[in-house]
Each structure stands twice: as structure tokens, then as C-alpha cells.
Amino acid sequence: MPDWKEIISMIVTVVLMIGVFVAAYYVSKFVGKHYKPRYGFSKVVTVIDSTTIGKDRSLLLVKAAGKVLLVGSTAHGFTLLSELDAEQFADITEATEPLKKDFVSTFRDVLKSKIRKPGEGEED
């Protein structure tokens, strides 16, 4: 005959765990909507484009104060390489915020990249 105290204890534990997961989900949604980092968004300075050229090294195309600057970035600092003609970059539309993807589609993309079907990818 089953011990009812143990069964009830297991059911309560499972319900509490589900409650914690649901609460964590809603808290993370609330924080994600209301927390905006102070870095990365600016009305005056915008990174138009960037490319990595090595470990901890990249080239940035930056628009600031109506000028377009080519800047080199390393782990130790930034270097102004050149000032470019701003008229060449006038037609480039600049996004003020990055594209937002919901968690489900991001998670699905990661799973697709990690899980390979038999016959795909490298063969041994």
C-alpha cells in the first residue's frame, strides 16, 4: 500500500517546481521589457557598419556629429583611421534599435544549427 505522505510530498514538489519556472518566465519577460541598457543606443553616435579583422580587432564605420569616421578597435582602445565623405553614406538607413527576435525563434535557430540530420554535415 503506497505511503500517501510521500505521494503528496512529491506532487507538492512538482507543483512548486512548475510554479518557480512559470514565475521565472514572467519575471524575465517583465525585466526584458522594462530594462534598457545604457550602452548601445545613442541618438548622436551610430555604428553604421563593422567588420572583424582579427582576434579582438575590428573596423567600425561610425557616424557622429554629421561626420562619418573609420575607426579601428582593439582590446586596448580605439584609433581614428580616417574621416570619410558623409554624403556617400547618406542613403544608408540606420536602425536606432537592433532587430528583436523572440525567444522561441532564437531557440529554434540554435537547435537547428546544433542538431544535424543523418547524412548532413561532415562525414567520418
C-alpha atoms as a PDB file:
ATOM      1  CA  MET A   1       0.000   0.000   0.000  1.00  0.00           C
ATOM      2  CA  PRO A   2       1.502   3.345  -1.012  1.00  0.00           C
ATOM      3  CA  ASP A   3       2.505   5.842   1.595  1.00  0.00           C
ATOM      4  CA  TRP A   4       0.198   8.827   0.938  1.00  0.00           C
ATOM      5  CA  LYS A   5       2.510  11.311   2.656  1.00  0.00           C
ATOM      6  CA  GLU A   6       5.302  10.556   0.180  1.00  0.00           C
ATOM      7  CA  ILE A   7       2.961  10.789  -2.815  1.00  0.00           C
ATOM      8  CA  ILE A   8       1.521  14.118  -1.642  1.00  0.00           C
ATOM      9  CA  SER A   9       5.053  15.386  -0.931  1.00  0.00           C
ATOM     10  CA  MET A  10       6.170  14.501  -4.481  1.00  0.00           C
ATOM     11  CA  ILE A  11       3.082  16.158  -6.012  1.00  0.00           C
ATOM     12  CA  VAL A  12       3.631  19.323  -3.976  1.00  0.00           C
ATOM     13  CA  THR A  13       7.308  19.378  -5.009  1.00  0.00           C
ATOM     14  CA  VAL A  14       6.428  19.064  -8.701  1.00  0.00           C
ATOM     15  CA  VAL A  15       3.762  21.787  -8.426  1.00  0.00           C
ATOM     16  CA  LEU A  16       6.226  24.111  -6.649  1.00  0.00           C
ATOM     17  CA  MET A  17       8.882  23.493  -9.321  1.00  0.00           C
ATOM     18  CA  ILE A  18       6.389  24.308 -12.068  1.00  0.00           C
ATOM     19  CA  GLY A  19       5.399  27.437 -10.152  1.00  0.00           C
ATOM     20  CA  VAL A  20       9.033  28.538  -9.911  1.00  0.00           C
ATOM     21  CA  PHE A  21       9.545  28.011 -13.656  1.00  0.00           C
ATOM     22  CA  VAL A  22       6.376  29.951 -14.522  1.00  0.00           C
ATOM     23  CA  ALA A  23       7.360  32.784 -12.164  1.00  0.00           C
ATOM     24  CA  ALA A  24      10.866  32.910 -13.654  1.00  0.00           C
ATOM     25  CA  TYR A  25       9.378  33.104 -17.142  1.00  0.00           C
ATOM     26  CA  TYR A  26       7.130  36.055 -16.299  1.00  0.00           C
ATOM     27  CA  VAL A  27       9.817  37.876 -14.306  1.00  0.00           C
ATOM     28  CA  SER A  28      12.270  37.548 -17.216  1.00  0.00           C
ATOM     29  CA  LYS A  29       9.632  38.884 -19.636  1.00  0.00           C
ATOM     30  CA  PHE A  30       8.958  41.840 -17.326  1.00  0.00           C
ATOM     31  CA  VAL A  31      12.652  42.621 -16.902  1.00  0.00           C
ATOM     32  CA  GLY A  32      13.266  42.261 -20.637  1.00  0.00           C
ATOM     33  CA  LYS A  33      10.553  44.782 -21.471  1.00  0.00           C
ATOM     34  CA  HIS A  34      11.430  47.354 -18.827  1.00  0.00           C
ATOM     35  CA  TYR A  35      15.231  47.147 -18.607  1.00  0.00           C
ATOM     36  CA  LYS A  36      17.136  49.004 -21.273  1.00  0.00           C
ATOM     37  CA  PRO A  37      20.900  49.028 -21.074  1.00  0.00           C
ATOM     38  CA  ARG A  38      22.538  52.418 -21.116  1.00  0.00           C
ATOM     39  CA  TYR A  39      25.109  51.327 -23.673  1.00  0.00           C
ATOM     40  CA  GLY A  40      24.475  50.515 -27.304  1.00  0.00           C
ATOM     41  CA  PHE A  41      21.755  53.060 -28.019  1.00  0.00           C
ATOM     42  CA  SER A  42      22.535  56.651 -28.906  1.00  0.00           C
ATOM     43  CA  LYS A  43      20.792  59.360 -30.853  1.00  0.00           C
ATOM     44  CA  VAL A  44      24.041  61.163 -31.711  1.00  0.00           C
ATOM     45  CA  VAL A  45      26.583  58.371 -32.301  1.00  0.00           C
ATOM     46  CA  THR A  46      25.711  55.414 -34.545  1.00  0.00           C
ATOM     47  CA  VAL A  47      27.785  52.482 -35.774  1.00  0.00           C
ATOM     48  CA  ILE A  48      26.841  52.210 -39.439  1.00  0.00           C
ATOM     49  CA  ASP A  49      28.833  49.046 -40.099  1.00  0.00           C
ATOM     50  CA  SER A  50      31.564  46.934 -38.565  1.00  0.00           C
ATOM     51  CA  THR A  51      33.785  44.051 -39.550  1.00  0.00           C
ATOM     52  CA  THR A  52      36.140  41.840 -37.606  1.00  0.00           C
ATOM     53  CA  ILE A  53      39.698  41.749 -38.915  1.00  0.00           C
ATOM     54  CA  GLY A  54      41.296  39.590 -36.244  1.00  0.00           C
ATOM     55  CA  LYS A  55      41.106  38.492 -32.646  1.00  0.00           C
ATOM     56  CA  ASP A  56      39.803  41.481 -30.647  1.00  0.00           C
ATOM     57  CA  ARG A  57      40.308  43.742 -33.678  1.00  0.00           C
ATOM     58  CA  SER A  58      37.679  45.330 -35.845  1.00  0.00           C
ATOM     59  CA  LEU A  59      36.964  48.223 -38.158  1.00  0.00           C
ATOM     60  CA  LEU A  60      33.985  50.427 -37.383  1.00  0.00           C
ATOM     61  CA  LEU A  61      32.194  52.883 -39.612  1.00  0.00           C
ATOM     62  CA  VAL A  62      30.817  55.450 -37.150  1.00  0.00           C
ATOM     63  CA  LYS A  63      28.502  58.390 -37.757  1.00  0.00           C
ATOM     64  CA  ALA A  64      28.905  61.152 -35.175  1.00  0.00           C
ATOM     65  CA  ALA A  65      28.039  64.863 -35.303  1.00  0.00           C
ATOM     66  CA  GLY A  66      27.245  64.671 -39.015  1.00  0.00           C
ATOM     67  CA  LYS A  67      30.623  63.099 -39.831  1.00  0.00           C
ATOM     68  CA  VAL A  68      31.437  59.553 -40.889  1.00  0.00           C
ATOM     69  CA  LEU A  69      34.586  58.165 -39.292  1.00  0.00           C
ATOM     70  CA  LEU A  70      36.562  54.987 -39.917  1.00  0.00           C
ATOM     71  CA  VAL A  71      37.717  53.764 -36.517  1.00  0.00           C
ATOM     72  CA  GLY A  72      39.977  50.859 -35.602  1.00  0.00           C
ATOM     73  CA  SER A  73      39.053  48.997 -32.441  1.00  0.00           C
ATOM     74  CA  THR A  74      41.287  46.732 -30.359  1.00  0.00           C
ATOM     75  CA  ALA A  75      41.070  45.327 -26.865  1.00  0.00           C
ATOM     76  CA  HIS A  76      43.196  48.251 -25.673  1.00  0.00           C
ATOM     77  CA  GLY A  77      41.441  51.172 -27.346  1.00  0.00           C
ATOM     78  CA  PHE A  78      40.193  52.949 -30.441  1.00  0.00           C
ATOM     79  CA  THR A  79      42.116  54.684 -33.215  1.00  0.00           C
ATOM     80  CA  LEU A  80      40.720  57.199 -35.690  1.00  0.00           C
ATOM     81  CA  LEU A  81      41.886  55.990 -39.092  1.00  0.00           C
ATOM     82  CA  SER A  82      40.106  58.344 -41.459  1.00  0.00           C
ATOM     83  CA  GLU A  83      37.248  60.778 -41.885  1.00  0.00           C
ATOM     84  CA  LEU A  84      35.080  59.843 -44.853  1.00  0.00           C
ATOM     85  CA  ASP A  85      32.665  61.797 -47.017  1.00  0.00           C
ATOM     86  CA  ALA A  86      29.309  61.754 -45.200  1.00  0.00           C
ATOM     87  CA  GLU A  87      27.378  62.207 -48.470  1.00  0.00           C
ATOM     88  CA  GLN A  88      28.398  58.702 -49.599  1.00  0.00           C
ATOM     89  CA  PHE A  89      26.573  57.226 -46.619  1.00  0.00           C
ATOM     90  CA  ALA A  90      23.504  59.489 -46.627  1.00  0.00           C
ATOM     91  CA  ASP A  91      21.258  56.833 -48.187  1.00  0.00           C
ATOM     92  CA  ILE A  92      22.085  54.152 -45.627  1.00  0.00           C
ATOM     93  CA  THR A  93      19.193  53.673 -43.268  1.00  0.00           C
ATOM     94  CA  GLU A  94      20.347  53.376 -39.706  1.00  0.00           C
ATOM     95  CA  ALA A  95      18.365  51.419 -37.176  1.00  0.00           C
ATOM     96  CA  THR A  96      18.095  53.064 -33.772  1.00  0.00           C
ATOM     97  CA  GLU A  97      17.446  49.713 -32.093  1.00  0.00           C
ATOM     98  CA  PRO A  98      18.624  46.246 -33.071  1.00  0.00           C
ATOM     99  CA  LEU A  99      16.152  43.793 -34.534  1.00  0.00           C
ATOM    100  CA  LYS A 100      14.303  41.984 -31.778  1.00  0.00           C
ATOM    101  CA  LYS A 101      13.688  38.270 -32.077  1.00  0.00           C
ATOM    102  CA  ASP A 102      11.503  36.394 -29.696  1.00  0.00           C
ATOM    103  CA  PHE A 103      12.988  33.642 -27.565  1.00  0.00           C
ATOM    104  CA  VAL A 104      11.205  30.796 -29.333  1.00  0.00           C
ATOM    105  CA  SER A 105      12.526  31.647 -32.806  1.00  0.00           C
ATOM    106  CA  THR A 106      16.047  32.247 -31.463  1.00  0.00           C
ATOM    107  CA  PHE A 107      15.974  28.927 -29.600  1.00  0.00           C
ATOM    108  CA  ARG A 108      14.678  27.153 -32.713  1.00  0.00           C
ATOM    109  CA  ASP A 109      17.531  28.620 -34.805  1.00  0.00           C
ATOM    110  CA  VAL A 110      20.118  27.461 -32.269  1.00  0.00           C
ATOM    111  CA  LEU A 111      18.638  23.972 -32.193  1.00  0.00           C
ATOM    112  CA  LYS A 112      18.645  23.772 -35.985  1.00  0.00           C
ATOM    113  CA  SER A 113      22.303  24.770 -36.100  1.00  0.00           C
ATOM    114  CA  LYS A 114      23.296  22.245 -33.407  1.00  0.00           C
ATOM    115  CA  ILE A 115      21.191  19.245 -34.449  1.00  0.00           C
ATOM    116  CA  ARG A 116      22.122  17.707 -37.750  1.00  0.00           C
ATOM    117  CA  LYS A 117      20.148  15.077 -39.561  1.00  0.00           C
ATOM    118  CA  PRO A 118      21.896  11.861 -40.608  1.00  0.00           C
ATOM    119  CA  GLY A 119      23.617  12.367 -43.921  1.00  0.00           C
ATOM    120  CA  GLU A 120      24.156  16.106 -43.420  1.00  0.00           C
ATOM    121  CA  GLY A 121      27.389  17.820 -42.466  1.00  0.00           C
ATOM    122  CA  GLU A 122      30.788  16.182 -42.158  1.00  0.00           C
ATOM    123  CA  GLU A 123      31.238  12.505 -42.764  1.00  0.00           C
ATOM    124  CA  ASP A 124      33.688  10.347 -40.836  1.00  0.00           C
END
